All heavy atoms as atom14 arrays in JSON, in Angstrom:
{
  "sequence": "VQVVGESQRKTVVGRTAAVPLVAGSLLSPGQMGGSAFPPVGQSVIAVG",
  "atom14_mask": [
    [1, 1, 1, 1, 1, 1, 1, 0, 0, 0, 0, 0, 0, 0],
    [1, 1, 1, 1, 1, 1, 1, 1, 1, 0, 0, 0, 0, 0],
    [1, 1, 1, 1, 1, 1, 1, 0, 0, 0, 0, 0, 0, 0],
    [1, 1, 1, 1, 1, 1, 1, 0, 0, 0, 0, 0, 0, 0],
    [1, 1, 1, 1, 0, 0, 0, 0, 0, 0, 0, 0, 0, 0],
    [1, 1, 1, 1, 1, 1, 1, 1, 1, 0, 0, 0, 0, 0],
    [1, 1, 1, 1, 1, 1, 0, 0, 0, 0, 0, 0, 0, 0],
    [1, 1, 1, 1, 1, 1, 1, 1, 1, 0, 0, 0, 0, 0],
    [1, 1, 1, 1, 1, 1, 1, 1, 1, 1, 1, 0, 0, 0],
    [1, 1, 1, 1, 1, 1, 1, 1, 1, 0, 0, 0, 0, 0],
    [1, 1, 1, 1, 1, 1, 1, 0, 0, 0, 0, 0, 0, 0],
    [1, 1, 1, 1, 1, 1, 1, 0, 0, 0, 0, 0, 0, 0],
    [1, 1, 1, 1, 1, 1, 1, 0, 0, 0, 0, 0, 0, 0],
    [1, 1, 1, 1, 0, 0, 0, 0, 0, 0, 0, 0, 0, 0],
    [1, 1, 1, 1, 1, 1, 1, 1, 1, 1, 1, 0, 0, 0],
    [1, 1, 1, 1, 1, 1, 1, 0, 0, 0, 0, 0, 0, 0],
    [1, 1, 1, 1, 1, 0, 0, 0, 0, 0, 0, 0, 0, 0],
    [1, 1, 1, 1, 1, 0, 0, 0, 0, 0, 0, 0, 0, 0],
    [1, 1, 1, 1, 1, 1, 1, 0, 0, 0, 0, 0, 0, 0],
    [1, 1, 1, 1, 1, 1, 1, 0, 0, 0, 0, 0, 0, 0],
    [1, 1, 1, 1, 1, 1, 1, 1, 0, 0, 0, 0, 0, 0],
    [1, 1, 1, 1, 1, 1, 1, 0, 0, 0, 0, 0, 0, 0],
    [1, 1, 1, 1, 1, 0, 0, 0, 0, 0, 0, 0, 0, 0],
    [1, 1, 1, 1, 0, 0, 0, 0, 0, 0, 0, 0, 0, 0],
    [1, 1, 1, 1, 1, 1, 0, 0, 0, 0, 0, 0, 0, 0],
    [1, 1, 1, 1, 1, 1, 1, 1, 0, 0, 0, 0, 0, 0],
    [1, 1, 1, 1, 1, 1, 1, 1, 0, 0, 0, 0, 0, 0],
    [1, 1, 1, 1, 1, 1, 0, 0, 0, 0, 0, 0, 0, 0],
    [1, 1, 1, 1, 1, 1, 1, 0, 0, 0, 0, 0, 0, 0],
    [1, 1, 1, 1, 0, 0, 0, 0, 0, 0, 0, 0, 0, 0],
    [1, 1, 1, 1, 1, 1, 1, 1, 1, 0, 0, 0, 0, 0],
    [1, 1, 1, 1, 1, 1, 1, 1, 0, 0, 0, 0, 0, 0],
    [1, 1, 1, 1, 0, 0, 0, 0, 0, 0, 0, 0, 0, 0],
    [1, 1, 1, 1, 0, 0, 0, 0, 0, 0, 0, 0, 0, 0],
    [1, 1, 1, 1, 1, 1, 0, 0, 0, 0, 0, 0, 0, 0],
    [1, 1, 1, 1, 1, 0, 0, 0, 0, 0, 0, 0, 0, 0],
    [1, 1, 1, 1, 1, 1, 1, 1, 1, 1, 1, 0, 0, 0],
    [1, 1, 1, 1, 1, 1, 1, 0, 0, 0, 0, 0, 0, 0],
    [1, 1, 1, 1, 1, 1, 1, 0, 0, 0, 0, 0, 0, 0],
    [1, 1, 1, 1, 1, 1, 1, 0, 0, 0, 0, 0, 0, 0],
    [1, 1, 1, 1, 0, 0, 0, 0, 0, 0, 0, 0, 0, 0],
    [1, 1, 1, 1, 1, 1, 1, 1, 1, 0, 0, 0, 0, 0],
    [1, 1, 1, 1, 1, 1, 0, 0, 0, 0, 0, 0, 0, 0],
    [1, 1, 1, 1, 1, 1, 1, 0, 0, 0, 0, 0, 0, 0],
    [1, 1, 1, 1, 1, 1, 1, 1, 0, 0, 0, 0, 0, 0],
    [1, 1, 1, 1, 1, 0, 0, 0, 0, 0, 0, 0, 0, 0],
    [1, 1, 1, 1, 1, 1, 1, 0, 0, 0, 0, 0, 0, 0],
    [1, 1, 1, 1, 0, 0, 0, 0, 0, 0, 0, 0, 0, 0]
  ],
  "atom14_positions": [
    [[12.05, 1.51, 2.75], [11.02, 0.82, 3.53], [11.59, 0.26, 4.82], [12.57, -0.47, 4.83], [10.37, -0.34, 2.72], [9.27, -1.05, 3.55], [9.8, 0.18, 1.42], [0.0, 0.0, 0.0], [0.0, 0.0, 0.0], [0.0, 0.0, 0.0], [0.0, 0.0, 0.0], [0.0, 0.0, 0.0], [0.0, 0.0, 0.0], [0.0, 0.0, 0.0]],
    [[11.07, 0.66, 5.98], [11.44, 0.2, 7.22], [10.55, -0.97, 7.66], [9.31, -0.72, 7.79], [11.45, 1.29, 8.32], [12.5, 2.4, 7.99], [12.51, 3.51, 9.11], [11.61, 3.51, 9.93], [13.56, 4.28, 9.13], [0.0, 0.0, 0.0], [0.0, 0.0, 0.0], [0.0, 0.0, 0.0], [0.0, 0.0, 0.0], [0.0, 0.0, 0.0]],
    [[11.1, -2.1, 7.93], [10.31, -3.24, 8.28], [10.81, -3.92, 9.6], [11.92, -3.53, 10.04], [10.3, -4.29, 7.15], [9.56, -3.74, 5.92], [11.73, -4.69, 6.8], [0.0, 0.0, 0.0], [0.0, 0.0, 0.0], [0.0, 0.0, 0.0], [0.0, 0.0, 0.0], [0.0, 0.0, 0.0], [0.0, 0.0, 0.0], [0.0, 0.0, 0.0]],
    [[10.09, -4.8, 10.11], [10.44, -5.55, 11.32], [10.59, -7.05, 10.88], [9.64, -7.64, 10.38], [9.44, -5.37, 12.43], [9.84, -6.21, 13.63], [9.19, -3.94, 12.77], [0.0, 0.0, 0.0], [0.0, 0.0, 0.0], [0.0, 0.0, 0.0], [0.0, 0.0, 0.0], [0.0, 0.0, 0.0], [0.0, 0.0, 0.0], [0.0, 0.0, 0.0]],
    [[11.83, -7.62, 11.15], [12.07, -8.96, 10.74], [11.33, -9.97, 11.55], [10.86, -9.68, 12.65], [0.0, 0.0, 0.0], [0.0, 0.0, 0.0], [0.0, 0.0, 0.0], [0.0, 0.0, 0.0], [0.0, 0.0, 0.0], [0.0, 0.0, 0.0], [0.0, 0.0, 0.0], [0.0, 0.0, 0.0], [0.0, 0.0, 0.0], [0.0, 0.0, 0.0]],
    [[11.11, -11.14, 10.97], [10.42, -12.23, 11.69], [11.05, -12.59, 13.0], [10.39, -12.93, 14.01], [10.31, -13.48, 10.77], [9.6, -14.64, 11.44], [9.71, -15.92, 10.56], [10.51, -15.91, 9.6], [9.03, -16.86, 10.84], [0.0, 0.0, 0.0], [0.0, 0.0, 0.0], [0.0, 0.0, 0.0], [0.0, 0.0, 0.0], [0.0, 0.0, 0.0]],
    [[12.42, -12.53, 13.04], [13.16, -12.87, 14.27], [12.81, -11.99, 15.47], [13.11, -12.33, 16.59], [14.66, -12.79, 13.98], [15.03, -11.48, 13.61], [0.0, 0.0, 0.0], [0.0, 0.0, 0.0], [0.0, 0.0, 0.0], [0.0, 0.0, 0.0], [0.0, 0.0, 0.0], [0.0, 0.0, 0.0], [0.0, 0.0, 0.0], [0.0, 0.0, 0.0]],
    [[12.17, -10.86, 15.24], [11.85, -9.88, 16.29], [10.4, -10.06, 16.82], [9.92, -9.22, 17.59], [12.05, -8.43, 15.84], [13.51, -8.18, 15.37], [13.61, -6.71, 14.9], [13.24, -5.8, 15.59], [14.18, -6.52, 13.7], [0.0, 0.0, 0.0], [0.0, 0.0, 0.0], [0.0, 0.0, 0.0], [0.0, 0.0, 0.0], [0.0, 0.0, 0.0]],
    [[9.76, -11.12, 16.36], [8.37, -11.26, 16.73], [8.13, -11.31, 18.26], [7.2, -10.71, 18.76], [7.83, -12.62, 16.08], [6.34, -12.79, 16.34], [5.83, -13.92, 15.42], [4.32, -14.01, 15.42], [3.61, -14.47, 14.52], [4.19, -14.95, 13.41], [2.35, -14.52, 14.55], [0.0, 0.0, 0.0], [0.0, 0.0, 0.0], [0.0, 0.0, 0.0]],
    [[8.95, -12.01, 19.03], [8.8, -12.07, 20.41], [8.94, -10.74, 21.12], [8.28, -10.48, 22.15], [9.78, -13.11, 21.03], [9.5, -14.52, 20.65], [10.52, -15.5, 21.36], [10.17, -16.98, 20.91], [11.17, -17.9, 21.64], [0.0, 0.0, 0.0], [0.0, 0.0, 0.0], [0.0, 0.0, 0.0], [0.0, 0.0, 0.0], [0.0, 0.0, 0.0]],
    [[9.78, -9.86, 20.61], [10.03, -8.56, 21.18], [8.85, -7.62, 20.79], [8.59, -6.61, 21.51], [11.28, -7.93, 20.76], [11.35, -7.77, 19.32], [12.45, -8.88, 21.16], [0.0, 0.0, 0.0], [0.0, 0.0, 0.0], [0.0, 0.0, 0.0], [0.0, 0.0, 0.0], [0.0, 0.0, 0.0], [0.0, 0.0, 0.0], [0.0, 0.0, 0.0]],
    [[8.13, -7.91, 19.71], [7.05, -6.99, 19.28], [5.76, -7.28, 20.1], [5.06, -6.4, 20.47], [6.75, -7.23, 17.79], [5.45, -6.55, 17.37], [7.92, -6.73, 16.97], [0.0, 0.0, 0.0], [0.0, 0.0, 0.0], [0.0, 0.0, 0.0], [0.0, 0.0, 0.0], [0.0, 0.0, 0.0], [0.0, 0.0, 0.0], [0.0, 0.0, 0.0]],
    [[5.53, -8.59, 20.39], [4.31, -8.98, 21.13], [4.39, -8.34, 22.55], [5.4, -8.43, 23.2], [4.25, -10.51, 21.22], [3.07, -10.9, 22.15], [4.07, -11.11, 19.85], [0.0, 0.0, 0.0], [0.0, 0.0, 0.0], [0.0, 0.0, 0.0], [0.0, 0.0, 0.0], [0.0, 0.0, 0.0], [0.0, 0.0, 0.0], [0.0, 0.0, 0.0]],
    [[3.29, -7.65, 22.85], [3.26, -6.96, 24.18], [3.51, -5.47, 24.05], [3.25, -4.76, 25.04], [0.0, 0.0, 0.0], [0.0, 0.0, 0.0], [0.0, 0.0, 0.0], [0.0, 0.0, 0.0], [0.0, 0.0, 0.0], [0.0, 0.0, 0.0], [0.0, 0.0, 0.0], [0.0, 0.0, 0.0], [0.0, 0.0, 0.0], [0.0, 0.0, 0.0]],
    [[4.02, -4.99, 22.96], [4.19, -3.59, 22.75], [2.89, -2.93, 22.32], [1.92, -3.58, 21.97], [5.31, -3.24, 21.78], [6.7, -3.79, 22.17], [7.74, -3.4, 21.23], [7.94, -1.93, 21.22], [8.78, -1.28, 20.42], [9.65, -1.97, 19.66], [8.97, 0.0, 20.41], [0.0, 0.0, 0.0], [0.0, 0.0, 0.0], [0.0, 0.0, 0.0]],
    [[2.88, -1.61, 22.39], [1.68, -0.87, 22.12], [1.76, -0.22, 20.71], [2.81, 0.31, 20.36], [1.46, 0.23, 23.22], [1.41, -0.43, 24.49], [0.19, 0.95, 22.96], [0.0, 0.0, 0.0], [0.0, 0.0, 0.0], [0.0, 0.0, 0.0], [0.0, 0.0, 0.0], [0.0, 0.0, 0.0], [0.0, 0.0, 0.0], [0.0, 0.0, 0.0]],
    [[0.61, -0.22, 20.0], [0.6, 0.46, 18.76], [0.55, 1.99, 18.99], [-0.35, 2.48, 19.63], [-0.65, -0.01, 17.99], [0.0, 0.0, 0.0], [0.0, 0.0, 0.0], [0.0, 0.0, 0.0], [0.0, 0.0, 0.0], [0.0, 0.0, 0.0], [0.0, 0.0, 0.0], [0.0, 0.0, 0.0], [0.0, 0.0, 0.0], [0.0, 0.0, 0.0]],
    [[1.54, 2.67, 18.39], [1.56, 4.11, 18.55], [0.57, 4.83, 17.57], [0.18, 5.95, 17.8], [2.97, 4.63, 18.26], [0.0, 0.0, 0.0], [0.0, 0.0, 0.0], [0.0, 0.0, 0.0], [0.0, 0.0, 0.0], [0.0, 0.0, 0.0], [0.0, 0.0, 0.0], [0.0, 0.0, 0.0], [0.0, 0.0, 0.0], [0.0, 0.0, 0.0]],
    [[0.27, 4.09, 16.5], [-0.72, 4.63, 15.5], [-1.68, 3.49, 15.15], [-1.42, 2.33, 15.49], [0.0, 5.12, 14.23], [0.95, 6.31, 14.53], [0.83, 4.01, 13.59], [0.0, 0.0, 0.0], [0.0, 0.0, 0.0], [0.0, 0.0, 0.0], [0.0, 0.0, 0.0], [0.0, 0.0, 0.0], [0.0, 0.0, 0.0], [0.0, 0.0, 0.0]],
    [[-2.79, 3.79, 14.49], [-3.72, 2.73, 14.06], [-2.98, 1.79, 13.1], [-2.35, 2.28, 12.1], [-4.83, 3.43, 13.39], [-4.79, 4.81, 14.0], [-3.41, 5.11, 14.25], [0.0, 0.0, 0.0], [0.0, 0.0, 0.0], [0.0, 0.0, 0.0], [0.0, 0.0, 0.0], [0.0, 0.0, 0.0], [0.0, 0.0, 0.0], [0.0, 0.0, 0.0]],
    [[-3.03, 0.46, 13.33], [-2.41, -0.52, 12.47], [-3.49, -1.21, 11.66], [-4.45, -1.71, 12.18], [-1.57, -1.49, 13.26], [-0.51, -0.93, 14.19], [0.12, -2.03, 15.01], [0.47, -0.14, 13.46], [0.0, 0.0, 0.0], [0.0, 0.0, 0.0], [0.0, 0.0, 0.0], [0.0, 0.0, 0.0], [0.0, 0.0, 0.0], [0.0, 0.0, 0.0]],
    [[-3.29, -1.28, 10.33], [-4.31, -1.79, 9.39], [-3.9, -3.21, 9.01], [-2.76, -3.45, 8.64], [-4.5, -0.88, 8.22], [-5.6, -1.41, 7.27], [-4.8, 0.57, 8.67], [0.0, 0.0, 0.0], [0.0, 0.0, 0.0], [0.0, 0.0, 0.0], [0.0, 0.0, 0.0], [0.0, 0.0, 0.0], [0.0, 0.0, 0.0], [0.0, 0.0, 0.0]],
    [[-4.94, -4.11, 9.02], [-4.62, -5.49, 8.52], [-4.07, -5.55, 7.16], [-4.59, -4.81, 6.28], [-5.9, -6.29, 8.66], [0.0, 0.0, 0.0], [0.0, 0.0, 0.0], [0.0, 0.0, 0.0], [0.0, 0.0, 0.0], [0.0, 0.0, 0.0], [0.0, 0.0, 0.0], [0.0, 0.0, 0.0], [0.0, 0.0, 0.0], [0.0, 0.0, 0.0]],
    [[-3.05, -6.33, 6.91], [-2.43, -6.48, 5.62], [-1.25, -5.56, 5.38], [-0.52, -5.77, 4.37], [0.0, 0.0, 0.0], [0.0, 0.0, 0.0], [0.0, 0.0, 0.0], [0.0, 0.0, 0.0], [0.0, 0.0, 0.0], [0.0, 0.0, 0.0], [0.0, 0.0, 0.0], [0.0, 0.0, 0.0], [0.0, 0.0, 0.0], [0.0, 0.0, 0.0]],
    [[-1.03, -4.57, 6.21], [0.06, -3.63, 6.05], [1.3, -4.15, 6.76], [1.23, -4.95, 7.67], [-0.31, -2.22, 6.58], [-0.54, -2.29, 8.0], [0.0, 0.0, 0.0], [0.0, 0.0, 0.0], [0.0, 0.0, 0.0], [0.0, 0.0, 0.0], [0.0, 0.0, 0.0], [0.0, 0.0, 0.0], [0.0, 0.0, 0.0], [0.0, 0.0, 0.0]],
    [[2.46, -3.75, 6.31], [3.75, -4.12, 6.95], [3.94, -3.4, 8.22], [3.55, -2.22, 8.33], [4.92, -3.88, 6.01], [4.9, -4.62, 4.64], [6.16, -4.21, 3.8], [4.95, -6.13, 4.85], [0.0, 0.0, 0.0], [0.0, 0.0, 0.0], [0.0, 0.0, 0.0], [0.0, 0.0, 0.0], [0.0, 0.0, 0.0], [0.0, 0.0, 0.0]],
    [[4.49, -4.03, 9.2], [4.79, -3.37, 10.49], [6.16, -2.7, 10.39], [7.14, -3.26, 9.91], [4.82, -4.48, 11.58], [5.0, -3.9, 13.01], [3.88, -3.05, 13.46], [5.21, -5.08, 14.0], [0.0, 0.0, 0.0], [0.0, 0.0, 0.0], [0.0, 0.0, 0.0], [0.0, 0.0, 0.0], [0.0, 0.0, 0.0], [0.0, 0.0, 0.0]],
    [[6.25, -1.5, 10.89], [7.51, -0.73, 10.9], [7.8, -0.34, 12.34], [6.89, -0.24, 13.19], [7.42, 0.51, 10.01], [6.43, 1.39, 10.52], [0.0, 0.0, 0.0], [0.0, 0.0, 0.0], [0.0, 0.0, 0.0], [0.0, 0.0, 0.0], [0.0, 0.0, 0.0], [0.0, 0.0, 0.0], [0.0, 0.0, 0.0], [0.0, 0.0, 0.0]],
    [[9.11, -0.15, 12.63], [9.46, 0.19, 14.05], [8.79, 1.48, 14.56], [8.47, 1.59, 15.73], [10.98, 0.32, 13.93], [11.4, -0.45, 12.77], [10.28, -0.33, 11.77], [0.0, 0.0, 0.0], [0.0, 0.0, 0.0], [0.0, 0.0, 0.0], [0.0, 0.0, 0.0], [0.0, 0.0, 0.0], [0.0, 0.0, 0.0], [0.0, 0.0, 0.0]],
    [[8.58, 2.5, 13.7], [7.97, 3.7, 14.14], [6.52, 3.62, 14.5], [5.95, 4.57, 15.08], [0.0, 0.0, 0.0], [0.0, 0.0, 0.0], [0.0, 0.0, 0.0], [0.0, 0.0, 0.0], [0.0, 0.0, 0.0], [0.0, 0.0, 0.0], [0.0, 0.0, 0.0], [0.0, 0.0, 0.0], [0.0, 0.0, 0.0], [0.0, 0.0, 0.0]],
    [[5.89, 2.46, 14.21], [4.46, 2.33, 14.51], [4.19, 1.77, 15.97], [3.07, 1.65, 16.37], [3.78, 1.37, 13.51], [3.73, 1.93, 12.1], [3.2, 0.92, 11.12], [3.41, -0.28, 11.22], [2.44, 1.44, 10.13], [0.0, 0.0, 0.0], [0.0, 0.0, 0.0], [0.0, 0.0, 0.0], [0.0, 0.0, 0.0], [0.0, 0.0, 0.0]],
    [[5.33, 1.48, 16.69], [5.17, 0.96, 18.0], [5.78, 1.92, 19.0], [6.71, 2.59, 18.75], [5.95, -0.45, 18.14], [5.37, -1.5, 17.17], [6.33, -2.99, 17.23], [7.85, -2.48, 16.44], [0.0, 0.0, 0.0], [0.0, 0.0, 0.0], [0.0, 0.0, 0.0], [0.0, 0.0, 0.0], [0.0, 0.0, 0.0], [0.0, 0.0, 0.0]],
    [[5.14, 1.99, 20.13], [5.6, 2.95, 21.15], [5.18, 2.49, 22.55], [4.89, 1.36, 22.79], [0.0, 0.0, 0.0], [0.0, 0.0, 0.0], [0.0, 0.0, 0.0], [0.0, 0.0, 0.0], [0.0, 0.0, 0.0], [0.0, 0.0, 0.0], [0.0, 0.0, 0.0], [0.0, 0.0, 0.0], [0.0, 0.0, 0.0], [0.0, 0.0, 0.0]],
    [[5.16, 3.48, 23.42], [4.71, 3.21, 24.82], [3.21, 3.08, 24.95], [2.46, 3.13, 23.92], [0.0, 0.0, 0.0], [0.0, 0.0, 0.0], [0.0, 0.0, 0.0], [0.0, 0.0, 0.0], [0.0, 0.0, 0.0], [0.0, 0.0, 0.0], [0.0, 0.0, 0.0], [0.0, 0.0, 0.0], [0.0, 0.0, 0.0], [0.0, 0.0, 0.0]],
    [[2.7, 2.89, 26.14], [1.27, 2.67, 26.37], [0.53, 3.97, 26.25], [-0.72, 3.93, 26.12], [1.03, 1.97, 27.65], [1.65, 2.75, 28.76], [0.0, 0.0, 0.0], [0.0, 0.0, 0.0], [0.0, 0.0, 0.0], [0.0, 0.0, 0.0], [0.0, 0.0, 0.0], [0.0, 0.0, 0.0], [0.0, 0.0, 0.0], [0.0, 0.0, 0.0]],
    [[1.15, 5.11, 26.5], [0.46, 6.35, 26.5], [0.07, 6.72, 25.07], [0.8, 6.61, 24.15], [1.28, 7.46, 27.05], [0.0, 0.0, 0.0], [0.0, 0.0, 0.0], [0.0, 0.0, 0.0], [0.0, 0.0, 0.0], [0.0, 0.0, 0.0], [0.0, 0.0, 0.0], [0.0, 0.0, 0.0], [0.0, 0.0, 0.0], [0.0, 0.0, 0.0]],
    [[-1.21, 7.17, 24.9], [-1.66, 7.61, 23.65], [-2.53, 8.88, 23.81], [-3.43, 8.91, 24.71], [-2.46, 6.54, 22.87], [-2.86, 6.94, 21.5], [-1.96, 6.8, 20.44], [-4.05, 7.5, 21.25], [-2.32, 7.16, 19.17], [-4.46, 7.86, 19.97], [-3.54, 7.7, 18.9], [0.0, 0.0, 0.0], [0.0, 0.0, 0.0], [0.0, 0.0, 0.0]],
    [[-2.35, 9.92, 22.99], [-1.27, 10.02, 21.97], [0.11, 10.03, 22.61], [0.25, 10.44, 23.81], [-1.63, 11.36, 21.31], [-3.0, 11.7, 21.72], [-3.2, 11.12, 23.08], [0.0, 0.0, 0.0], [0.0, 0.0, 0.0], [0.0, 0.0, 0.0], [0.0, 0.0, 0.0], [0.0, 0.0, 0.0], [0.0, 0.0, 0.0], [0.0, 0.0, 0.0]],
    [[1.13, 9.64, 21.86], [2.46, 9.69, 22.4], [2.82, 11.16, 22.73], [2.28, 12.08, 22.28], [3.36, 9.2, 21.21], [2.41, 8.4, 20.39], [1.07, 9.09, 20.47], [0.0, 0.0, 0.0], [0.0, 0.0, 0.0], [0.0, 0.0, 0.0], [0.0, 0.0, 0.0], [0.0, 0.0, 0.0], [0.0, 0.0, 0.0], [0.0, 0.0, 0.0]],
    [[3.89, 11.25, 23.6], [4.35, 12.6, 24.02], [4.75, 13.43, 22.81], [5.52, 12.85, 21.93], [5.55, 12.4, 25.01], [6.09, 13.79, 25.39], [5.09, 11.68, 26.29], [0.0, 0.0, 0.0], [0.0, 0.0, 0.0], [0.0, 0.0, 0.0], [0.0, 0.0, 0.0], [0.0, 0.0, 0.0], [0.0, 0.0, 0.0], [0.0, 0.0, 0.0]],
    [[4.32, 14.6, 22.69], [4.71, 15.44, 21.61], [3.73, 15.38, 20.38], [3.95, 16.05, 19.37], [0.0, 0.0, 0.0], [0.0, 0.0, 0.0], [0.0, 0.0, 0.0], [0.0, 0.0, 0.0], [0.0, 0.0, 0.0], [0.0, 0.0, 0.0], [0.0, 0.0, 0.0], [0.0, 0.0, 0.0], [0.0, 0.0, 0.0], [0.0, 0.0, 0.0]],
    [[2.7, 14.56, 20.5], [1.75, 14.39, 19.42], [0.34, 14.61, 19.92], [0.07, 14.53, 21.13], [1.87, 12.95, 18.74], [3.17, 12.78, 18.09], [3.19, 11.41, 17.27], [2.86, 10.4, 17.79], [3.57, 11.51, 16.0], [0.0, 0.0, 0.0], [0.0, 0.0, 0.0], [0.0, 0.0, 0.0], [0.0, 0.0, 0.0], [0.0, 0.0, 0.0]],
    [[-0.57, 14.93, 19.0], [-1.94, 15.22, 19.36], [-2.86, 14.63, 18.27], [-2.46, 14.38, 17.19], [-2.16, 16.72, 19.47], [-1.3, 17.32, 20.46], [0.0, 0.0, 0.0], [0.0, 0.0, 0.0], [0.0, 0.0, 0.0], [0.0, 0.0, 0.0], [0.0, 0.0, 0.0], [0.0, 0.0, 0.0], [0.0, 0.0, 0.0], [0.0, 0.0, 0.0]],
    [[-4.14, 14.47, 18.7], [-5.17, 14.03, 17.78], [-6.18, 15.15, 17.58], [-6.69, 15.69, 18.62], [-5.89, 12.73, 18.29], [-7.04, 12.36, 17.33], [-4.86, 11.63, 18.36], [0.0, 0.0, 0.0], [0.0, 0.0, 0.0], [0.0, 0.0, 0.0], [0.0, 0.0, 0.0], [0.0, 0.0, 0.0], [0.0, 0.0, 0.0], [0.0, 0.0, 0.0]],
    [[-6.45, 15.53, 16.35], [-7.46, 16.52, 16.07], [-8.41, 16.0, 15.02], [-8.14, 15.02, 14.32], [-6.78, 17.85, 15.58], [-6.04, 17.62, 14.24], [-5.88, 18.47, 16.61], [-5.56, 18.87, 13.55], [0.0, 0.0, 0.0], [0.0, 0.0, 0.0], [0.0, 0.0, 0.0], [0.0, 0.0, 0.0], [0.0, 0.0, 0.0], [0.0, 0.0, 0.0]],
    [[-9.59, 16.64, 14.92], [-10.52, 16.27, 13.86], [-10.68, 17.46, 12.97], [-10.77, 18.62, 13.38], [-11.9, 15.95, 14.53], [0.0, 0.0, 0.0], [0.0, 0.0, 0.0], [0.0, 0.0, 0.0], [0.0, 0.0, 0.0], [0.0, 0.0, 0.0], [0.0, 0.0, 0.0], [0.0, 0.0, 0.0], [0.0, 0.0, 0.0], [0.0, 0.0, 0.0]],
    [[-10.75, 17.14, 11.68], [-10.97, 18.18, 10.63], [-12.16, 17.79, 9.79], [-12.43, 16.6, 9.61], [-9.71, 18.36, 9.74], [-8.55, 18.95, 10.61], [-9.29, 17.09, 9.09], [0.0, 0.0, 0.0], [0.0, 0.0, 0.0], [0.0, 0.0, 0.0], [0.0, 0.0, 0.0], [0.0, 0.0, 0.0], [0.0, 0.0, 0.0], [0.0, 0.0, 0.0]],
    [[-12.84, 18.78, 9.3], [-14.01, 18.52, 8.38], [-13.49, 18.54, 6.94], [-12.87, 19.63, 6.5], [0.0, 0.0, 0.0], [0.0, 0.0, 0.0], [0.0, 0.0, 0.0], [0.0, 0.0, 0.0], [0.0, 0.0, 0.0], [0.0, 0.0, 0.0], [0.0, 0.0, 0.0], [0.0, 0.0, 0.0], [0.0, 0.0, 0.0], [0.0, 0.0, 0.0]]
  ]
}
């Protein structure tokens, strides 16, 4: 489990969510990224 410690709160505030973040879930480093969405190298598609 990759988590973000409480001591890093100030560095997290102001960053951009790279994926949808759900209330109640733990924050992990890979869920944060730059302001561009989708991130470089990723795409969003819809499936039925």
